[in-house]
Amino acid sequence: MEHVPSGLYGRCRRLDQFIADHPSLWEHSVMQQFLQDEHCREQLIQAVCAPTPENQAALDKAFASFYAEVRFTSYMLKTLYWRAVRYDQKQKRRTRRQPLIMDRPLSTEQSVTIKDSFAAPGTPDSEEKMQEEALDLRQYAGDSLLYNALNQLTSRQHSALYQKYIEEKTDKTIAAQWNISAQAVHKTRQAALSKLRSFLEGGRNT
């Protein structure tokens, strides 16, 4: 079965039989995401190959935690996506208005425009600055709690979320850019989501 991670086969007879008995299980996107995490994958292997109450409880706990992250990720994705759409719409309206003003000459005797006067030598122009600011997820935060939560992230965690949910890059693409494994990218993003969820839940309970 193409959706079953290769690392699951051959671990034990119980697991091979479990895979064969539940072919549709491996096609679910949630299960595929769950098995991308090495720790979660090992919990499944232990629970099936050595089905003790402790191992089964550990698997249940791992999946419950993972599923909570999936639901939170879905919430974050929808929130950031629609705020990004509204932000882009505002930027487009502003861009359509600005050329009419910014392209006017400073005076009738000069050909230098208002826009040109802002471009000092050796400093980035406003367009470059805007592109740099666009890399910040906090501009899409609609409330102070989410903004403060995003402030808790490291620059790497922040970038992992931005590239995944705003630029819609795959873990493999991000990994190649950072020269690390896709698994490391996945762990970075999961750590960021866990940090955000803990901060937001704490903020709402105070």
C-alpha atoms as a PDB file:
ATOM      1  CA  MET A   1       0.000   0.000   0.000  1.00  0.00           C
ATOM      2  CA  GLU A   2       1.514   3.261  -1.179  1.00  0.00           C
ATOM      3  CA  HIS A   3       0.355   5.392   1.766  1.00  0.00           C
ATOM      4  CA  VAL A   4       1.946   3.182   4.427  1.00  0.00           C
ATOM      5  CA  PRO A   5       5.360   4.519   5.584  1.00  0.00           C
ATOM      6  CA  SER A   6       8.077   2.047   4.611  1.00  0.00           C
ATOM      7  CA  GLY A   7       9.432   2.042   8.170  1.00  0.00           C
ATOM      8  CA  LEU A   8       6.344   0.228   9.448  1.00  0.00           C
ATOM      9  CA  TYR A   9       6.761  -2.934   7.412  1.00  0.00           C
ATOM     10  CA  GLY A  10       8.732  -5.777   8.954  1.00  0.00           C
ATOM     11  CA  ARG A  11       8.762  -4.447  12.515  1.00  0.00           C
ATOM     12  CA  CYS A  12       6.639  -7.343  13.756  1.00  0.00           C
ATOM     13  CA  ARG A  13       4.056  -9.797  12.468  1.00  0.00           C
ATOM     14  CA  ARG A  14       1.272  -8.128  14.435  1.00  0.00           C
ATOM     15  CA  LEU A  15       1.947  -4.812  12.745  1.00  0.00           C
ATOM     16  CA  ASP A  16       2.163  -6.330   9.249  1.00  0.00           C
ATOM     17  CA  GLN A  17      -1.200  -7.990   9.848  1.00  0.00           C
ATOM     18  CA  PHE A  18      -2.664  -4.779  11.284  1.00  0.00           C
ATOM     19  CA  ILE A  19      -1.595  -2.904   8.151  1.00  0.00           C
ATOM     20  CA  ALA A  20      -3.178  -5.555   5.918  1.00  0.00           C
ATOM     21  CA  ASP A  21      -6.420  -5.601   7.929  1.00  0.00           C
ATOM     22  CA  HIS A  22      -6.929  -1.812   7.834  1.00  0.00           C
ATOM     23  CA  PRO A  23      -6.068  -0.663   4.279  1.00  0.00           C
ATOM     24  CA  SER A  24      -8.272   2.448   4.364  1.00  0.00           C
ATOM     25  CA  LEU A  25      -6.712   3.718   7.603  1.00  0.00           C
ATOM     26  CA  TRP A  26      -3.472   4.709   5.877  1.00  0.00           C
ATOM     27  CA  GLU A  27      -5.249   6.823   3.258  1.00  0.00           C
ATOM     28  CA  HIS A  28      -6.546   9.343   5.803  1.00  0.00           C
ATOM     29  CA  SER A  29      -4.569  12.577   5.776  1.00  0.00           C
ATOM     30  CA  VAL A  30      -4.688  12.803   9.587  1.00  0.00           C
ATOM     31  CA  MET A  31      -3.065   9.378   9.934  1.00  0.00           C
ATOM     32  CA  GLN A  32      -0.451  10.267   7.317  1.00  0.00           C
ATOM     33  CA  GLN A  33       0.425  13.441   9.222  1.00  0.00           C
ATOM     34  CA  PHE A  34       0.480  11.533  12.513  1.00  0.00           C
ATOM     35  CA  LEU A  35       2.979   9.025  11.143  1.00  0.00           C
ATOM     36  CA  GLN A  36       5.291  11.770   9.869  1.00  0.00           C
ATOM     37  CA  ASP A  37       6.294  12.349  13.483  1.00  0.00           C
ATOM     38  CA  GLU A  38       8.913   9.786  14.494  1.00  0.00           C
ATOM     39  CA  HIS A  39       7.745   9.719  18.113  1.00  0.00           C
ATOM     40  CA  CYS A  40       4.115   9.127  17.108  1.00  0.00           C
ATOM     41  CA  ARG A  41       5.155   6.436  14.656  1.00  0.00           C
ATOM     42  CA  GLU A  42       7.091   4.599  17.367  1.00  0.00           C
ATOM     43  CA  GLN A  43       4.120   4.823  19.730  1.00  0.00           C
ATOM     44  CA  LEU A  44       1.958   3.075  17.124  1.00  0.00           C
ATOM     45  CA  ILE A  45       4.569   0.368  16.575  1.00  0.00           C
ATOM     46  CA  GLN A  46       4.903  -0.289  20.303  1.00  0.00           C
ATOM     47  CA  ALA A  47       1.137  -0.381  20.872  1.00  0.00           C
ATOM     48  CA  VAL A  48       0.578  -2.912  18.077  1.00  0.00           C
ATOM     49  CA  CYS A  49       3.692  -5.058  18.476  1.00  0.00           C
ATOM     50  CA  ALA A  50       3.600  -5.074  22.285  1.00  0.00           C
ATOM     51  CA  PRO A  51      -0.061  -4.374  23.147  1.00  0.00           C
ATOM     52  CA  THR A  52       0.306  -3.692  26.866  1.00  0.00           C
ATOM     53  CA  PRO A  53      -2.115  -1.285  28.599  1.00  0.00           C
ATOM     54  CA  GLU A  54       0.776   1.155  29.083  1.00  0.00           C
ATOM     55  CA  ASN A  55       1.719   1.154  25.393  1.00  0.00           C
ATOM     56  CA  GLN A  56      -1.886   1.512  24.286  1.00  0.00           C
ATOM     57  CA  ALA A  57      -2.424   4.375  26.740  1.00  0.00           C
ATOM     58  CA  ALA A  58       0.729   6.072  25.438  1.00  0.00           C
ATOM     59  CA  LEU A  59      -0.574   5.780  21.868  1.00  0.00           C
ATOM     60  CA  ASP A  60      -3.967   7.190  22.867  1.00  0.00           C
ATOM     61  CA  LYS A  61      -2.267  10.124  24.589  1.00  0.00           C
ATOM     62  CA  ALA A  62       0.025  10.773  21.608  1.00  0.00           C
ATOM     63  CA  PHE A  63      -2.871  10.736  19.152  1.00  0.00           C
ATOM     64  CA  ALA A  64      -5.086  12.928  21.354  1.00  0.00           C
ATOM     65  CA  SER A  65      -2.287  15.485  21.619  1.00  0.00           C
ATOM     66  CA  PHE A  66      -1.616  15.302  17.892  1.00  0.00           C
ATOM     67  CA  TYR A  67      -5.294  15.675  16.967  1.00  0.00           C
ATOM     68  CA  ALA A  68      -5.607  18.714  19.202  1.00  0.00           C
ATOM     69  CA  GLU A  69      -2.668  20.214  17.301  1.00  0.00           C
ATOM     70  CA  VAL A  70      -4.395  19.417  13.989  1.00  0.00           C
ATOM     71  CA  ARG A  71      -7.565  21.209  15.071  1.00  0.00           C
ATOM     72  CA  PHE A  72      -5.583  24.180  16.338  1.00  0.00           C
ATOM     73  CA  THR A  73      -3.575  24.263  13.106  1.00  0.00           C
ATOM     74  CA  SER A  74      -6.808  24.323  11.117  1.00  0.00           C
ATOM     75  CA  TYR A  75      -8.045  27.250  13.210  1.00  0.00           C
ATOM     76  CA  MET A  76      -4.763  29.124  12.818  1.00  0.00           C
ATOM     77  CA  LEU A  77      -4.662  28.470   9.082  1.00  0.00           C
ATOM     78  CA  LYS A  78      -8.181  29.788   8.516  1.00  0.00           C
ATOM     79  CA  THR A  79      -7.584  32.797  10.760  1.00  0.00           C
ATOM     80  CA  LEU A  80      -4.288  33.781   9.133  1.00  0.00           C
ATOM     81  CA  TYR A  81      -5.524  33.031   5.608  1.00  0.00           C
ATOM     82  CA  TRP A  82      -8.567  35.293   5.731  1.00  0.00           C
ATOM     83  CA  ARG A  83      -6.676  38.059   7.480  1.00  0.00           C
ATOM     84  CA  ALA A  84      -3.954  37.767   4.841  1.00  0.00           C
ATOM     85  CA  VAL A  85      -6.598  38.053   2.115  1.00  0.00           C
ATOM     86  CA  ARG A  86      -8.027  41.193   3.701  1.00  0.00           C
ATOM     87  CA  TYR A  87      -4.522  42.620   4.154  1.00  0.00           C
ATOM     88  CA  ASP A  88      -3.664  42.000   0.495  1.00  0.00           C
ATOM     89  CA  GLN A  89      -6.907  43.637  -0.601  1.00  0.00           C
ATOM     90  CA  LYS A  90      -6.050  46.740   1.423  1.00  0.00           C
ATOM     91  CA  GLN A  91      -2.537  46.793  -0.023  1.00  0.00           C
ATOM     92  CA  LYS A  92      -3.876  46.586  -3.587  1.00  0.00           C
ATOM     93  CA  ARG A  93      -6.301  49.445  -2.978  1.00  0.00           C
ATOM     94  CA  ARG A  94      -3.479  51.506  -1.464  1.00  0.00           C
ATOM     95  CA  THR A  95      -1.165  50.682  -4.388  1.00  0.00           C
ATOM     96  CA  ARG A  96      -3.793  51.810  -6.897  1.00  0.00           C
ATOM     97  CA  ARG A  97      -4.105  55.158  -5.108  1.00  0.00           C
ATOM     98  CA  GLN A  98      -0.422  55.788  -4.430  1.00  0.00           C
ATOM     99  CA  PRO A  99       0.868  56.108  -8.034  1.00  0.00           C
ATOM    100  CA  LEU A 100      -1.455  59.059  -8.615  1.00  0.00           C
ATOM    101  CA  ILE A 101       0.144  60.891  -5.699  1.00  0.00           C
ATOM    102  CA  MET A 102       3.663  59.487  -5.481  1.00  0.00           C
ATOM    103  CA  ASP A 103       4.459  59.869  -9.192  1.00  0.00           C
ATOM    104  CA  ARG A 104       3.731  63.596  -9.244  1.00  0.00           C
ATOM    105  CA  PRO A 105       6.799  65.860  -9.620  1.00  0.00           C
ATOM    106  CA  LEU A 106       7.879  67.823  -6.564  1.00  0.00           C
ATOM    107  CA  SER A 107       7.444  71.035  -8.522  1.00  0.00           C
ATOM    108  CA  THR A 108       6.852  72.272 -12.048  1.00  0.00           C
ATOM    109  CA  GLU A 109      10.601  72.931 -12.408  1.00  0.00           C
ATOM    110  CA  GLN A 110      11.691  69.431 -11.321  1.00  0.00           C
ATOM    111  CA  SER A 111      11.246  66.000 -12.845  1.00  0.00           C
ATOM    112  CA  VAL A 112      12.001  64.291  -9.516  1.00  0.00           C
ATOM    113  CA  THR A 113       8.850  62.698  -8.138  1.00  0.00           C
ATOM    114  CA  ILE A 114       7.687  62.469  -4.554  1.00  0.00           C
ATOM    115  CA  LYS A 115       8.493  58.744  -4.615  1.00  0.00           C
ATOM    116  CA  ASP A 116      12.049  59.414  -5.824  1.00  0.00           C
ATOM    117  CA  SER A 117      12.669  61.794  -2.942  1.00  0.00           C
ATOM    118  CA  PHE A 118      12.164  58.967  -0.439  1.00  0.00           C
ATOM    119  CA  ALA A 119      14.773  56.683  -2.046  1.00  0.00           C
ATOM    120  CA  ALA A 120      17.923  57.759  -0.232  1.00  0.00           C
ATOM    121  CA  PRO A 121      21.223  56.230  -1.448  1.00  0.00           C
ATOM    122  CA  GLY A 122      22.159  53.032   0.352  1.00  0.00           C
ATOM    123  CA  THR A 123      18.734  52.540   1.944  1.00  0.00           C
ATOM    124  CA  PRO A 124      15.964  50.182   0.834  1.00  0.00           C
ATOM    125  CA  ASP A 125      13.026  51.817  -0.953  1.00  0.00           C
ATOM    126  CA  SER A 126       9.488  51.572   0.391  1.00  0.00           C
ATOM    127  CA  GLU A 127       8.659  48.591  -1.825  1.00  0.00           C
ATOM    128  CA  GLU A 128      11.592  46.576  -0.435  1.00  0.00           C
ATOM    129  CA  LYS A 129      10.613  47.534   3.095  1.00  0.00           C
ATOM    130  CA  MET A 130       7.063  46.419   2.439  1.00  0.00           C
ATOM    131  CA  GLN A 131       8.295  43.051   1.191  1.00  0.00           C
ATOM    132  CA  GLU A 132      10.364  42.602   4.355  1.00  0.00           C
ATOM    133  CA  GLU A 133       7.389  43.453   6.546  1.00  0.00           C
ATOM    134  CA  ALA A 134       5.235  41.001   4.587  1.00  0.00           C
ATOM    135  CA  LEU A 135       7.316  38.175   6.059  1.00  0.00           C
ATOM    136  CA  ASP A 136       5.874  38.882   9.494  1.00  0.00           C
ATOM    137  CA  LEU A 137       2.830  36.850  10.519  1.00  0.00           C
ATOM    138  CA  ARG A 138       2.015  39.404  13.190  1.00  0.00           C
ATOM    139  CA  GLN A 139       0.646  41.811  10.602  1.00  0.00           C
ATOM    140  CA  TYR A 140      -2.196  39.341  10.078  1.00  0.00           C
ATOM    141  CA  ALA A 141      -3.033  39.070  13.784  1.00  0.00           C
ATOM    142  CA  GLY A 142      -6.453  40.561  14.387  1.00  0.00           C
ATOM    143  CA  ASP A 143      -6.184  40.839  18.167  1.00  0.00           C
ATOM    144  CA  SER A 144      -3.548  41.567  20.776  1.00  0.00           C
ATOM    145  CA  LEU A 145      -3.660  38.036  22.237  1.00  0.00           C
ATOM    146  CA  LEU A 146      -2.701  36.391  18.946  1.00  0.00           C
ATOM    147  CA  TYR A 147      -0.106  39.109  18.297  1.00  0.00           C
ATOM    148  CA  ASN A 148       1.497  38.500  21.695  1.00  0.00           C
ATOM    149  CA  ALA A 149       1.362  34.741  21.136  1.00  0.00           C
ATOM    150  CA  LEU A 150       3.267  35.116  17.861  1.00  0.00           C
ATOM    151  CA  ASN A 151       5.836  37.195  19.728  1.00  0.00           C
ATOM    152  CA  GLN A 152       6.709  34.117  21.785  1.00  0.00           C
ATOM    153  CA  LEU A 153       8.075  32.269  18.739  1.00  0.00           C
ATOM    154  CA  THR A 154      11.700  32.086  17.694  1.00  0.00           C
ATOM    155  CA  SER A 155      12.573  33.467  14.264  1.00  0.00           C
ATOM    156  CA  ARG A 156      12.908  29.911  12.935  1.00  0.00           C
ATOM    157  CA  GLN A 157       9.508  28.865  14.306  1.00  0.00           C
ATOM    158  CA  HIS A 158       7.956  32.042  12.929  1.00  0.00           C
ATOM    159  CA  SER A 159       9.421  31.383   9.489  1.00  0.00           C
ATOM    160  CA  ALA A 160       8.285  27.747   9.535  1.00  0.00           C
ATOM    161  CA  LEU A 161       4.672  28.823  10.051  1.00  0.00           C
ATOM    162  CA  TYR A 162       4.841  31.652   7.531  1.00  0.00           C
ATOM    163  CA  GLN A 163       6.314  29.545   4.757  1.00  0.00           C
ATOM    164  CA  LYS A 164       3.887  26.686   5.402  1.00  0.00           C
ATOM    165  CA  TYR A 165       0.620  28.562   5.803  1.00  0.00           C
ATOM    166  CA  ILE A 166       1.103  31.826   3.928  1.00  0.00           C
ATOM    167  CA  GLU A 167       3.507  30.811   1.153  1.00  0.00           C
ATOM    168  CA  GLU A 168       2.085  27.240   1.118  1.00  0.00           C
ATOM    169  CA  LYS A 169       5.494  25.590   0.815  1.00  0.00           C
ATOM    170  CA  THR A 170       6.008  21.912   1.568  1.00  0.00           C
ATOM    171  CA  ASP A 171       8.241  20.695   4.387  1.00  0.00           C
ATOM    172  CA  LYS A 172      10.576  19.275   1.747  1.00  0.00           C
ATOM    173  CA  THR A 173      10.951  22.676   0.074  1.00  0.00           C
ATOM    174  CA  ILE A 174      11.585  24.454   3.375  1.00  0.00           C
ATOM    175  CA  ALA A 175      14.050  21.744   4.405  1.00  0.00           C
ATOM    176  CA  ALA A 176      16.060  22.214   1.205  1.00  0.00           C
ATOM    177  CA  GLN A 177      16.126  25.966   1.807  1.00  0.00           C
ATOM    178  CA  TRP A 178      17.351  25.533   5.391  1.00  0.00           C
ATOM    179  CA  ASN A 179      19.613  22.574   4.609  1.00  0.00           C
ATOM    180  CA  ILE A 180      17.940  20.366   7.214  1.00  0.00           C
ATOM    181  CA  SER A 181      15.608  17.360   7.087  1.00  0.00           C
ATOM    182  CA  ALA A 182      11.881  17.626   6.398  1.00  0.00           C
ATOM    183  CA  GLN A 183      11.344  15.921   9.755  1.00  0.00           C
ATOM    184  CA  ALA A 184      13.224  18.759  11.471  1.00  0.00           C
ATOM    185  CA  VAL A 185      10.988  21.300   9.731  1.00  0.00           C
ATOM    186  CA  HIS A 186       7.917  19.375  10.880  1.00  0.00           C
ATOM    187  CA  LYS A 187       9.169  19.341  14.478  1.00  0.00           C
ATOM    188  CA  THR A 188       9.922  23.071  14.355  1.00  0.00           C
ATOM    189  CA  ARG A 189       6.395  23.818  13.183  1.00  0.00           C
ATOM    190  CA  GLN A 190       4.829  21.510  15.780  1.00  0.00           C
ATOM    191  CA  ALA A 191       6.845  23.199  18.532  1.00  0.00           C
ATOM    192  CA  ALA A 192       5.635  26.591  17.303  1.00  0.00           C
ATOM    193  CA  LEU A 193       1.999  25.472  17.269  1.00  0.00           C
ATOM    194  CA  SER A 194       2.302  23.974  20.754  1.00  0.00           C
ATOM    195  CA  LYS A 195       3.769  27.227  22.048  1.00  0.00           C
ATOM    196  CA  LEU A 196       0.993  29.272  20.434  1.00  0.00           C
ATOM    197  CA  ARG A 197      -1.754  27.014  21.741  1.00  0.00           C
ATOM    198  CA  SER A 198      -0.384  27.078  25.301  1.00  0.00           C
ATOM    199  CA  PHE A 199      -0.100  30.868  25.251  1.00  0.00           C
ATOM    200  CA  LEU A 200      -3.572  31.407  23.758  1.00  0.00           C
ATOM    201  CA  GLU A 201      -5.267  28.966  26.133  1.00  0.00           C
ATOM    202  CA  GLY A 202      -3.517  30.586  29.090  1.00  0.00           C
ATOM    203  CA  GLY A 203      -4.518  34.044  27.915  1.00  0.00           C
ATOM    204  CA  ARG A 204      -8.172  33.130  27.497  1.00  0.00           C
ATOM    205  CA  ASN A 205      -8.313  31.570  30.961  1.00  0.00           C
ATOM    206  CA  THR A 206      -6.973  34.650  32.739  1.00  0.00           C
END
